[in-house]
Amino acid sequence: MGRINSNISSLTAQQNLTRSNNELQVRLSRLSTGLRINRGADDPAGLIVSERLRSELSGIDQGVKNSERASSVIATTEGALNEVSELLSSIKALVVEGANTGAFSKEEILANQLQIDSAIDSITRISNTASFAGLKLLNGSLAYSLSGVSPTAIAKAQVHGADFGDRATVDVNVDVLGSAQTANLYFNTNFAGSTAGSSRLPSAVTLEFAGPDGVVELVFASNTPIDDVVAAVNSRKSVTGLSASRQTAGNATSGLVFSSIEYGRESFVSVKRLAGANYTFAKINNDAPGPIQWANASTYAAADRDVGKDVTVLINGAVATGRGLDVQLRTPELDLALTLTPTFGTTITTTTQTFVITGGGAKFQLGPQVTSNQQVNIGVDSIAATRLGGTLVPNGSGGLALQFLSSLKSGGVNSLLGGNLANASKILETSIDEVSGIRGRLGAFERNVIQTNIRSLQSGLENITASESAIRDADFAVESSKLTRAQVLVSAGTSVLAAANQSSQSVLQLLG
């Protein structure tokens, strides 16, 4: 071949050299960045998958950070609650000491009251000041907002958790299926010769009255008025936890009813004859409500003991059995505690009590996606003295009233000088239970939700990172060997191109 206008060998060498140079640039780029995919052209499908994995990794990493921050919030909250627990324990000791009036002077009891006032004020101060990065923790800011709670039906409502999902509010419907009852024993006082207006014991008797708080023995002489029996039992209320009354006001022959002050199966009444006349004591069959019909013997049975009954409530279609008038419900959608009023809790009607959870609560985003199933809601109620320890206690007029820790301060109905130390003790026990309950829920949330969520996300972070690395990261061993090959090909291609360019000069020999 003697053509010189077209050097096909040079063109071929140039083309191969270009490819080798491009290959060299790819290897240098991958080794310098450590990535196998630097542009979409490197691996289009791999780029799409790896970008999705990178996005998921960012969400998982933030989920871990959110969980760790939530753990810090809980630790701060529990630290404040621990101080409140210490204060409540000190108040309990002061109340018990203040009840020891036979060994302490009035001045010492007043000093105890001053300490109680200071401790209660400190609890309210902690409620108002406990915070994390400006977020108030115990003043009710993290509690759920409720609307429409009827005070005649629900004395106290505490929502610990609610799943709103796509709803702006959550309706709570409460129906009483089984009424709460006190323990009740009836005493037939329709003795021969007695009149409706007055009645007396025809024979002497010694009776043992036992209730949830204790036992007392009472001796009644022959011809004791029935109203004296009532007064004697009622004078020992704080000892036994029992009360007595005529079954029908103004009618002594209608019989007496001995009742536990508290509602529920933990309350009982027992009346046993120790000596003397054998009188009739009975309870109504099938836990039917009173009054007892003495003329119809089939409706009651002779008994010396009766037990109360816990309320049974239907809340949003779920059956919740209470403890006396207190009800707790824990479902994935709703976690709450209610204290029903005696009027509502002891009456079975077709009327539904409804209130609305309008918002509030503390929402923790624990997952990589912003969806309700990757969020957890928990409520932390205020622990101010005016909100803590709400308990239904005797109000002095024969009924029950909801009273709080603030009632133990000077001038309150349950202060040391007020004389209602039994009520004060019950309120303190409720306060301690509420604070420990908050700590327990927060502790369970941290241990069973946050810590497990962190471990789960960290495991996912490790595995997804490995998958993303397998797709996108460069294998240095492979790339180094390919770099060497590309360098050799570029060097050889350059030499071949030079030789191809020199081959056309041999035509000059034909020109002589």
Protein backbone atom coordinates (compact mmCIF):
# COMPACT_ATOMS: atom_id res chain seq x y z
CA MET A 1 0.00 0.00 0.00
CA GLY A 2 1.38 3.37 -1.02
CA ARG A 3 -1.43 5.74 0.00
CA ILE A 4 -0.62 8.73 2.22
CA ASN A 5 -3.92 10.70 2.37
CA SER A 6 -5.42 8.23 4.85
CA ASN A 7 -3.35 6.60 7.62
CA ILE A 8 -5.73 3.91 8.80
CA SER A 9 -3.18 2.47 11.22
CA SER A 10 -2.83 5.87 12.91
CA LEU A 11 -6.60 6.26 13.19
CA THR A 12 -6.90 2.82 14.76
CA ALA A 13 -4.09 3.60 17.19
CA GLN A 14 -5.69 6.97 18.09
CA GLN A 15 -9.06 5.34 18.78
CA ASN A 16 -7.56 2.69 21.04
CA LEU A 17 -5.41 5.30 22.80
CA THR A 18 -8.52 7.40 23.50
CA ARG A 19 -10.24 4.41 25.03
CA SER A 20 -7.21 3.64 27.14
CA ASN A 21 -7.02 7.28 28.30
CA ASN A 22 -10.73 7.23 29.23
CA GLU A 23 -10.22 3.98 31.12
CA LEU A 24 -7.24 5.53 32.91
CA GLN A 25 -9.32 8.57 33.89
CA VAL A 26 -12.08 6.33 35.29
CA ARG A 27 -9.61 4.39 37.42
CA LEU A 28 -7.92 7.55 38.67
CA SER A 29 -11.32 9.08 39.55
CA ARG A 30 -12.44 5.99 41.49
CA LEU A 31 -9.17 5.67 43.36
CA SER A 32 -9.12 9.37 44.24
CA THR A 33 -12.74 9.44 45.53
CA GLY A 34 -12.99 5.87 46.82
CA LEU A 35 -16.32 5.53 45.00
CA ARG A 36 -17.17 3.17 42.20
CA ILE A 37 -20.08 5.39 41.14
CA ASN A 38 -19.15 9.05 40.68
CA ARG A 39 -21.59 9.90 37.90
CA GLY A 40 -24.84 8.49 36.74
CA ALA A 41 -23.10 7.10 33.66
CA ASP A 42 -20.93 4.87 35.85
CA ASP A 43 -23.95 2.71 36.92
CA PRO A 44 -27.41 4.27 36.45
CA ALA A 45 -29.33 1.55 38.27
CA GLY A 46 -26.75 1.38 41.06
CA LEU A 47 -26.90 5.15 41.48
CA ILE A 48 -30.68 5.07 41.98
CA VAL A 49 -30.52 2.31 44.57
CA SER A 50 -27.58 3.82 46.43
CA GLU A 51 -29.23 7.26 46.62
CA ARG A 52 -32.31 5.66 48.13
CA LEU A 53 -30.16 3.84 50.65
CA ARG A 54 -28.30 7.07 51.47
CA SER A 55 -31.61 8.83 52.11
CA GLU A 56 -32.73 6.01 54.37
CA LEU A 57 -29.41 6.13 56.20
CA SER A 58 -29.89 9.84 56.90
CA GLY A 59 -33.34 9.15 58.36
CA ILE A 60 -32.07 6.27 60.49
CA ASP A 61 -29.16 8.32 61.78
CA GLN A 62 -31.52 11.13 62.77
CA GLY A 63 -33.84 8.58 64.38
CA VAL A 64 -30.96 7.44 66.57
CA LYS A 65 -30.20 11.06 67.50
CA ASN A 66 -33.89 11.71 68.26
CA SER A 67 -34.00 8.64 70.50
CA GLU A 68 -30.87 9.69 72.35
CA ARG A 69 -32.32 13.16 72.90
CA ALA A 70 -35.58 11.63 74.14
CA SER A 71 -33.54 9.57 76.59
CA SER A 72 -31.91 12.78 77.85
CA VAL A 73 -35.33 14.40 78.30
CA ILE A 74 -36.55 11.42 80.31
CA ALA A 75 -33.42 11.37 82.45
CA THR A 76 -33.91 15.06 83.26
CA THR A 77 -37.58 14.52 84.07
CA GLU A 78 -36.87 11.55 86.30
CA GLY A 79 -34.21 13.49 88.17
CA ALA A 80 -36.79 16.13 89.08
CA LEU A 81 -39.38 13.48 89.99
CA ASN A 82 -36.86 11.80 92.27
CA GLU A 83 -36.60 15.01 94.27
CA VAL A 84 -40.39 15.19 94.48
CA SER A 85 -40.48 11.60 95.77
CA GLU A 86 -38.02 12.53 98.50
CA LEU A 87 -40.15 15.50 99.50
CA LEU A 88 -43.32 13.41 99.61
CA SER A 89 -41.62 10.83 101.81
CA SER A 90 -40.55 13.57 104.21
CA ILE A 91 -44.11 14.96 104.30
CA LYS A 92 -45.41 11.45 105.06
CA ALA A 93 -43.05 11.17 108.02
CA LEU A 94 -44.12 14.61 109.30
CA VAL A 95 -47.82 13.71 109.07
CA VAL A 96 -47.28 10.46 110.96
CA GLU A 97 -45.25 12.34 113.55
CA GLY A 98 -47.93 15.03 113.81
CA ALA A 99 -50.53 12.40 114.63
CA ASN A 100 -48.55 11.51 117.75
CA THR A 101 -50.13 14.32 119.78
CA GLY A 102 -49.58 12.49 123.06
CA ALA A 103 -45.82 12.89 122.75
CA PHE A 104 -45.46 16.15 120.80
CA SER A 105 -46.40 19.64 121.89
CA LYS A 106 -48.52 21.97 119.83
CA GLU A 107 -45.43 24.04 119.06
CA GLU A 108 -43.66 20.99 117.63
CA ILE A 109 -46.70 20.13 115.49
CA LEU A 110 -46.78 23.71 114.21
CA ALA A 111 -43.09 23.37 113.32
CA ASN A 112 -43.94 20.20 111.42
CA GLN A 113 -46.67 22.08 109.57
CA LEU A 114 -44.17 24.74 108.54
CA GLN A 115 -41.93 22.01 107.11
CA ILE A 116 -44.89 20.52 105.25
CA ASP A 117 -45.77 23.91 103.79
CA SER A 118 -42.18 24.40 102.64
CA ALA A 119 -42.01 20.93 101.09
CA ILE A 120 -45.31 21.38 99.24
CA ASP A 121 -44.16 24.77 97.93
CA SER A 122 -40.93 23.12 96.75
CA ILE A 123 -42.92 20.48 94.85
CA THR A 124 -44.86 23.20 93.05
CA ARG A 125 -41.62 25.08 92.36
CA ILE A 126 -40.07 21.96 90.82
CA SER A 127 -43.21 21.54 88.73
CA ASN A 128 -42.85 25.06 87.39
CA THR A 129 -39.09 25.09 86.81
CA ALA A 130 -38.06 21.61 85.62
CA SER A 131 -37.09 22.04 81.96
CA PHE A 132 -34.88 20.72 79.16
CA ALA A 133 -33.54 23.21 76.61
CA GLY A 134 -36.47 25.50 77.35
CA LEU A 135 -39.04 22.69 77.25
CA LYS A 136 -41.10 22.62 80.45
CA LEU A 137 -41.36 19.05 81.69
CA LEU A 138 -43.62 18.88 84.76
CA ASN A 139 -45.93 21.89 84.65
CA GLY A 140 -48.51 20.22 82.41
CA SER A 141 -47.02 21.38 79.10
CA LEU A 142 -46.53 17.72 78.15
CA ALA A 143 -49.96 16.66 79.38
CA TYR A 144 -52.91 15.97 77.10
CA SER A 145 -55.58 18.64 76.74
CA LEU A 146 -59.08 17.46 77.61
CA SER A 147 -62.43 19.01 76.83
CA GLY A 148 -65.92 18.15 77.97
CA VAL A 149 -65.05 16.20 81.13
CA SER A 150 -68.19 16.21 83.29
CA PRO A 151 -67.25 16.73 86.96
CA THR A 152 -70.51 15.09 88.05
CA ALA A 153 -69.48 11.84 86.34
CA ILE A 154 -65.67 11.83 86.17
CA ALA A 155 -63.90 13.27 89.18
CA LYS A 156 -60.42 12.93 87.70
CA ALA A 157 -59.13 12.03 84.24
CA GLN A 158 -55.48 11.38 83.41
CA VAL A 159 -54.41 10.47 79.88
CA HIS A 160 -51.00 8.83 79.70
CA GLY A 161 -50.96 8.09 75.98
CA ALA A 162 -53.16 8.61 72.91
CA ASP A 163 -52.62 7.70 69.27
CA PHE A 164 -54.17 10.44 67.14
CA GLY A 165 -53.20 8.91 63.80
CA ASP A 166 -54.79 11.11 61.15
CA ARG A 167 -57.33 12.53 63.60
CA ALA A 168 -57.18 16.00 65.07
CA THR A 169 -58.95 14.86 68.25
CA VAL A 170 -59.77 11.62 70.04
CA ASP A 171 -63.23 11.01 71.51
CA VAL A 172 -63.43 8.98 74.73
CA ASN A 173 -66.78 7.31 75.44
CA VAL A 174 -67.38 5.94 78.93
CA ASP A 175 -70.26 3.58 79.80
CA VAL A 176 -70.79 1.88 83.17
CA LEU A 177 -71.49 -1.83 82.64
CA GLY A 178 -71.24 -2.94 86.26
CA SER A 179 -71.72 -0.56 89.16
CA ALA A 180 -69.21 -0.10 91.94
CA GLN A 181 -70.52 -1.04 95.35
CA THR A 182 -69.58 -0.70 98.95
CA ALA A 183 -69.74 -3.74 101.18
CA ASN A 184 -73.14 -3.76 102.92
CA LEU A 185 -74.56 -5.84 105.77
CA TYR A 186 -78.09 -5.26 106.98
CA PHE A 187 -79.41 -5.55 110.54
CA ASN A 188 -83.12 -6.29 111.05
CA THR A 189 -84.36 -3.95 113.79
CA ASN A 190 -88.09 -4.65 113.44
CA PHE A 191 -88.34 -6.08 116.94
CA ALA A 192 -91.63 -7.02 118.58
CA GLY A 193 -93.22 -4.02 120.21
CA SER A 194 -91.03 -1.44 118.49
CA THR A 195 -92.48 1.54 116.62
CA ALA A 196 -91.42 3.10 113.35
CA GLY A 197 -90.07 6.21 115.03
CA SER A 198 -87.94 4.46 117.61
CA SER A 199 -86.52 1.05 118.30
CA ARG A 200 -84.34 -0.47 121.00
CA LEU A 201 -82.34 -3.64 121.34
CA PRO A 202 -84.47 -6.10 123.29
CA SER A 203 -81.40 -7.97 124.60
CA ALA A 204 -77.78 -7.25 125.32
CA VAL A 205 -75.23 -8.21 122.69
CA THR A 206 -71.49 -7.99 122.07
CA LEU A 207 -70.54 -7.46 118.42
CA GLU A 208 -67.24 -7.44 116.53
CA PHE A 209 -67.15 -4.96 113.63
CA ALA A 210 -64.35 -5.51 111.11
CA GLY A 211 -63.59 -3.44 108.06
CA PRO A 212 -60.68 -2.74 105.70
CA ASP A 213 -58.98 -0.47 108.28
CA GLY A 214 -59.34 -2.59 111.41
CA VAL A 215 -61.51 -4.33 114.04
CA VAL A 216 -63.42 -3.06 117.04
CA GLU A 217 -65.53 -4.76 119.69
CA LEU A 218 -68.69 -2.99 120.88
CA VAL A 219 -70.92 -3.97 123.80
CA PHE A 220 -74.58 -2.94 123.76
CA ALA A 221 -76.81 -3.31 126.80
CA SER A 222 -80.42 -4.35 126.67
CA ASN A 223 -82.79 -1.56 125.68
CA THR A 224 -80.04 0.38 123.83
CA PRO A 225 -81.62 2.76 121.27
CA ILE A 226 -80.89 1.87 117.64
CA ASP A 227 -79.57 5.39 117.03
CA ASP A 228 -76.98 4.75 119.77
CA VAL A 229 -75.81 1.69 117.85
CA VAL A 230 -75.42 3.87 114.75
CA ALA A 231 -73.51 6.52 116.71
CA ALA A 232 -71.22 3.93 118.29
CA VAL A 233 -70.27 2.41 114.93
CA ASN A 234 -69.78 5.80 113.29
CA SER A 235 -67.56 6.97 116.12
CA ARG A 236 -65.13 4.21 115.14
CA LYS A 237 -65.02 5.06 111.40
CA SER A 238 -61.33 5.84 111.44
CA VAL A 239 -60.65 2.52 113.17
CA THR A 240 -62.73 0.18 111.00
CA GLY A 241 -63.43 2.04 107.75
CA LEU A 242 -67.14 1.37 108.28
CA SER A 243 -70.22 3.54 108.71
CA ALA A 244 -73.75 2.83 109.93
CA SER A 245 -77.11 4.40 109.17
CA ARG A 246 -80.81 3.72 109.22
CA GLN A 247 -81.92 2.03 106.04
CA THR A 248 -84.82 4.47 105.82
CA ALA A 249 -84.42 7.89 107.39
CA GLY A 250 -86.83 8.45 110.27
CA ASN A 251 -87.78 4.78 110.47
CA ALA A 252 -85.83 2.88 113.08
CA THR A 253 -87.63 -0.41 112.37
CA SER A 254 -86.54 -0.38 108.70
CA GLY A 255 -83.22 -1.80 109.77
CA LEU A 256 -79.62 -0.64 109.83
CA VAL A 257 -77.03 -0.90 107.13
CA PHE A 258 -73.35 -1.26 107.95
CA SER A 259 -71.29 -0.15 104.94
CA SER A 260 -67.64 0.18 104.04
CA ILE A 261 -66.66 3.77 103.35
CA GLU A 262 -64.60 2.79 100.30
CA TYR A 263 -65.87 1.10 97.15
CA GLY A 264 -64.50 -2.06 95.56
CA ARG A 265 -63.55 -5.66 96.27
CA GLU A 266 -60.78 -4.61 98.61
CA SER A 267 -63.43 -3.23 100.97
CA PHE A 268 -65.45 -5.49 103.23
CA VAL A 269 -67.70 -5.41 106.27
CA SER A 270 -67.92 -8.14 108.87
CA VAL A 271 -70.23 -8.23 111.89
CA LYS A 272 -69.92 -11.17 114.26
CA ARG A 273 -71.80 -11.89 117.49
CA LEU A 274 -69.36 -12.59 120.29
CA ALA A 275 -71.90 -12.88 123.08
CA GLY A 276 -75.56 -12.18 123.87
CA ALA A 277 -78.67 -12.28 121.73
CA ASN A 278 -78.63 -13.80 118.24
CA TYR A 279 -79.81 -11.00 115.96
CA THR A 280 -80.39 -11.22 112.21
CA PHE A 281 -77.71 -9.92 109.85
CA ALA A 282 -78.06 -10.39 106.11
CA LYS A 283 -76.84 -9.36 102.69
CA ILE A 284 -78.86 -8.93 99.50
CA ASN A 285 -78.67 -11.77 96.99
CA ASN A 286 -76.82 -11.30 93.68
CA ASP A 287 -75.29 -7.99 94.80
CA ALA A 288 -78.55 -6.22 94.04
CA PRO A 289 -78.80 -2.61 95.23
CA GLY A 290 -80.53 -1.82 98.51
CA PRO A 291 -82.65 -1.24 100.41
CA ILE A 292 -83.28 -4.75 101.67
CA GLN A 293 -86.87 -6.01 101.65
CA TRP A 294 -87.25 -7.81 104.97
CA ALA A 295 -90.71 -9.02 104.00
CA ASN A 296 -89.32 -10.97 101.04
CA ALA A 297 -86.94 -13.57 102.47
CA SER A 298 -85.97 -14.81 98.99
CA THR A 299 -84.13 -11.59 98.20
CA TYR A 300 -81.56 -11.86 101.00
CA ALA A 301 -79.55 -14.42 102.90
CA ALA A 302 -78.22 -14.53 106.42
CA ALA A 303 -74.58 -13.48 106.47
CA ASP A 304 -71.95 -11.95 108.71
CA ARG A 305 -69.66 -10.69 105.93
CA ASP A 306 -69.99 -8.86 102.60
CA VAL A 307 -67.45 -7.64 100.06
CA GLY A 308 -67.67 -4.56 97.84
CA LYS A 309 -67.61 -4.57 94.07
CA ASP A 310 -65.34 -2.87 91.55
CA VAL A 311 -66.83 -0.81 88.75
CA THR A 312 -66.79 -2.28 85.24
CA VAL A 313 -66.61 0.27 82.44
CA LEU A 314 -66.72 0.20 78.65
CA ILE A 315 -64.27 2.75 77.20
CA ASN A 316 -64.28 3.15 73.42
CA GLY A 317 -65.51 -0.42 73.07
CA ALA A 318 -62.89 -1.94 75.41
CA VAL A 319 -63.96 -3.39 78.76
CA ALA A 320 -61.98 -2.03 81.71
CA THR A 321 -62.39 -3.39 85.23
CA GLY A 322 -61.68 -0.83 87.87
CA ARG A 323 -60.43 -0.80 91.40
CA GLY A 324 -63.31 0.61 93.35
CA LEU A 325 -64.19 3.80 91.45
CA ASP A 326 -60.78 4.00 89.77
CA VAL A 327 -60.48 2.72 86.21
CA GLN A 328 -57.42 2.11 84.05
CA LEU A 329 -57.35 1.27 80.36
CA ARG A 330 -54.25 0.43 78.36
CA THR A 331 -54.58 -0.25 74.67
CA PRO A 332 -52.27 0.60 71.75
CA GLU A 333 -54.57 3.54 70.95
CA LEU A 334 -55.37 4.83 74.43
CA ASP A 335 -53.78 4.73 77.89
CA LEU A 336 -55.72 6.53 80.60
CA ALA A 337 -56.84 6.47 84.23
CA LEU A 338 -60.22 7.72 85.46
CA THR A 339 -61.72 8.27 88.87
CA LEU A 340 -65.50 8.12 88.64
CA THR A 341 -67.83 9.95 90.98
CA PRO A 342 -69.94 7.74 93.29
CA THR A 343 -73.10 8.90 91.50
CA PHE A 344 -71.89 7.87 88.04
CA GLY A 345 -69.88 4.83 89.10
CA THR A 346 -72.73 3.22 91.02
CA THR A 347 -75.45 3.75 88.40
CA ILE A 348 -75.95 1.66 85.27
CA THR A 349 -77.67 3.78 82.63
CA THR A 350 -77.80 4.02 78.86
CA THR A 351 -76.25 7.49 79.04
CA THR A 352 -72.69 7.66 77.68
CA GLN A 353 -70.26 10.13 79.16
CA THR A 354 -68.00 11.55 76.45
CA PHE A 355 -65.00 13.80 76.59
CA VAL A 356 -62.47 14.77 73.95
CA ILE A 357 -58.68 14.65 73.88
CA THR A 358 -57.99 17.79 71.88
CA GLY A 359 -54.21 17.55 71.71
CA GLY A 360 -51.10 17.82 73.83
CA GLY A 361 -48.80 15.11 75.02
CA ALA A 362 -45.15 14.61 74.17
CA LYS A 363 -44.57 13.22 70.67
CA PHE A 364 -41.28 11.46 69.99
CA GLN A 365 -40.23 10.79 66.38
CA LEU A 366 -38.21 7.59 66.71
CA GLY A 367 -38.15 6.19 63.17
CA PRO A 368 -36.69 7.30 59.81
CA GLN A 369 -40.13 8.01 58.30
CA VAL A 370 -42.59 10.66 59.51
CA THR A 371 -45.56 8.35 60.03
CA SER A 372 -47.71 7.71 63.09
CA ASN A 373 -46.45 4.14 63.44
CA GLN A 374 -42.91 5.47 63.91
CA GLN A 375 -43.96 8.01 66.51
CA VAL A 376 -44.69 7.48 70.19
CA ASN A 377 -46.92 9.70 72.31
CA ILE A 378 -46.73 9.92 76.07
CA GLY A 379 -48.34 12.33 78.52
CA VAL A 380 -46.69 13.79 81.63
CA ASP A 381 -49.19 15.48 83.92
CA SER A 382 -48.48 18.45 86.12
CA ILE A 383 -47.14 17.62 89.58
CA ALA A 384 -48.09 20.95 91.13
CA ALA A 385 -49.60 20.55 94.59
CA THR A 386 -53.01 21.61 93.28
CA ARG A 387 -52.94 18.76 90.72
CA LEU A 388 -51.12 15.99 92.59
CA GLY A 389 -52.71 13.34 94.80
CA GLY A 390 -56.36 13.79 93.82
CA THR A 391 -58.25 11.35 96.06
CA LEU A 392 -61.90 10.82 96.90
CA VAL A 393 -61.97 11.13 100.70
CA PRO A 394 -64.80 11.66 103.21
CA ASN A 395 -65.80 15.31 103.26
CA GLY A 396 -67.41 15.37 106.70
CA SER A 397 -70.99 15.46 105.41
CA GLY A 398 -71.30 11.77 104.62
CA GLY A 399 -70.07 12.04 101.04
CA LEU A 400 -66.78 11.85 99.16
CA ALA A 401 -64.86 14.81 97.77
CA LEU A 402 -61.80 15.03 95.52
CA GLN A 403 -58.95 16.64 97.45
CA PHE A 404 -55.33 17.26 96.49
CA LEU A 405 -51.91 17.62 98.10
CA SER A 406 -52.42 21.37 98.52
CA SER A 407 -55.11 20.62 101.13
CA LEU A 408 -52.31 19.61 103.54
CA LYS A 409 -50.94 23.15 103.75
CA SER A 410 -51.70 25.50 106.62
CA GLY A 411 -55.36 26.45 106.58
CA GLY A 412 -56.24 23.44 104.44
CA VAL A 413 -58.86 20.92 105.47
CA ASN A 414 -56.20 18.21 105.80
CA SER A 415 -53.49 20.17 107.58
CA LEU A 416 -52.01 18.88 110.83
CA LEU A 417 -54.27 21.20 112.79
CA GLY A 418 -57.30 20.32 110.67
CA GLY A 419 -57.53 16.90 112.28
CA ASN A 420 -58.12 14.92 109.08
CA LEU A 421 -54.81 13.12 109.19
CA ALA A 422 -56.32 9.90 107.84
CA ASN A 423 -57.37 11.83 104.73
CA ALA A 424 -53.95 13.48 104.58
CA SER A 425 -52.31 10.06 104.67
CA LYS A 426 -54.50 8.76 101.82
CA ILE A 427 -53.75 11.83 99.69
CA LEU A 428 -50.03 11.40 100.32
CA GLU A 429 -50.20 7.74 99.34
CA THR A 430 -51.97 8.69 96.13
CA SER A 431 -49.37 11.41 95.47
CA ILE A 432 -46.52 8.96 95.99
CA ASP A 433 -48.25 6.42 93.73
CA GLU A 434 -48.78 9.03 91.01
CA VAL A 435 -45.17 10.22 91.04
CA SER A 436 -43.82 6.68 91.10
CA GLY A 437 -46.29 5.80 88.35
CA ILE A 438 -44.94 8.61 86.15
CA ARG A 439 -41.38 7.46 86.85
CA GLY A 440 -42.33 3.88 86.10
CA ARG A 441 -43.99 4.77 82.79
CA LEU A 442 -41.05 6.93 81.75
CA GLY A 443 -38.61 4.23 82.79
CA ALA A 444 -40.51 1.57 80.86
CA PHE A 445 -40.68 3.90 77.87
CA GLU A 446 -36.93 4.49 77.97
CA ARG A 447 -36.05 0.84 78.50
CA ASN A 448 -38.57 -0.92 76.30
CA VAL A 449 -39.05 1.66 73.56
CA ILE A 450 -36.14 4.07 73.31
CA GLN A 451 -33.25 1.73 74.08
CA THR A 452 -34.60 -1.08 71.92
CA ASN A 453 -35.31 1.44 69.16
CA ILE A 454 -31.71 2.71 69.30
CA ARG A 455 -30.33 -0.82 69.09
CA SER A 456 -32.66 -1.69 66.24
CA LEU A 457 -31.81 1.46 64.28
CA GLN A 458 -28.09 0.99 64.86
CA SER A 459 -28.34 -2.55 63.52
CA GLY A 460 -30.23 -1.29 60.49
CA LEU A 461 -27.70 1.51 60.05
CA GLU A 462 -24.87 -1.02 59.99
CA ASN A 463 -26.54 -3.36 57.50
CA ILE A 464 -27.79 -0.65 55.15
CA THR A 465 -24.40 1.06 55.21
CA ALA A 466 -22.82 -2.24 54.20
CA SER A 467 -25.33 -2.60 51.35
CA GLU A 468 -24.77 0.95 50.14
CA SER A 469 -21.01 0.45 50.34
CA ALA A 470 -21.20 -2.74 48.28
CA ILE A 471 -23.04 -0.85 45.55
CA ARG A 472 -21.20 2.47 45.50
CA ASP A 473 -17.74 2.11 47.05
CA ALA A 474 -14.70 1.25 44.94
CA ASP A 475 -12.72 -1.96 45.42
CA PHE A 476 -9.17 -0.62 45.65
CA ALA A 477 -7.58 -3.97 44.81
CA VAL A 478 -9.57 -4.27 41.60
CA GLU A 479 -9.21 -0.61 40.69
CA SER A 480 -5.44 -0.64 41.31
CA SER A 481 -4.94 -3.60 38.99
CA LYS A 482 -7.13 -1.98 36.34
CA LEU A 483 -5.19 1.29 36.76
CA THR A 484 -1.94 -0.53 36.05
CA ARG A 485 -3.46 -2.17 32.96
CA ALA A 486 -4.78 1.22 31.75
CA GLN A 487 -1.36 2.83 32.26
CA VAL A 488 0.32 0.08 30.24
CA LEU A 489 -2.27 0.39 27.47
CA VAL A 490 -1.83 4.18 27.30
CA SER A 491 1.95 3.82 27.13
CA ALA A 492 1.71 1.10 24.48
CA GLY A 493 -0.93 3.01 22.54
CA THR A 494 1.28 6.10 22.46
CA SER A 495 4.19 4.06 21.12
CA VAL A 496 2.00 2.38 18.50
CA LEU A 497 0.58 5.74 17.40
CA ALA A 498 4.09 7.06 16.94
CA ALA A 499 5.01 4.01 14.87
CA ALA A 500 1.87 4.34 12.77
CA ASN A 501 2.69 7.98 12.05
CA GLN A 502 6.24 7.00 11.01
CA SER A 503 5.03 4.31 8.62
CA SER A 504 3.76 6.86 6.06
CA GLN A 505 7.30 8.28 5.58
CA SER A 506 8.45 5.10 3.86
CA VAL A 507 6.63 6.32 0.75
CA LEU A 508 9.43 8.90 0.27
CA GLN A 509 11.78 6.10 -0.76
CA LEU A 510 9.68 5.61 -3.89
CA LEU A 511 10.55 9.17 -4.99
CA GLY A 512 14.22 8.35 -5.22
